[in-house]
Amino acid sequence: MFTPAQTAETLTVPASTLRRWALVFKDYLSQRQGKKRSYSIADVDVFRQVRDLSQQGCTVEQIKERLTLIPPEQENPKAVASLVQFAREISIMRAENAELQLRLNEQSQQLADLQEQLSAVNAWLSLPWYRRIITGKHKSSVR
């Protein structure tokens, strides 16, 4: 069973959209048990179909017609295991993404530093030869 937040994140839709769909398509979802709402794999599949059909430009009535044509699927314990594995993989990918973003930021800073040094070298090289001889070696703070 999945919380509304987990379901919304899985489908990459806002939680408010999921709540609206839950009201509009309540006849196609499992019965609510207890005070807190949770969704089964079949419910997530219904929401996925609603999302896909709405992205295709279908109206609510058209979506309802198409949902009645699709037979409800049986819960599959193997699918739960693979969904848990999928969630684990997503969290691993997020961690790797954060690490890559950090490395990218570090490399961007290094690139900016190198560009600054190159600009200082170009400024020194643009000096007349006699000024370069007088000033001696290149200094990164040449004006």
Foldseek 3Di string as FASTA:
>chain_A
DAALVRLCVVLVHDSVVVVVCCVLVVVQFDDADDDGGGGAPLRSVLVNLVVVVVVVVDDSVRSVVVSVVDDGDDHDPVVVVVVVVVVVVVVVVVVVVVVVVVVVVVVVVVVVVVVLQVVQVVVLVPDPPVVCVVVDDRDSPDD
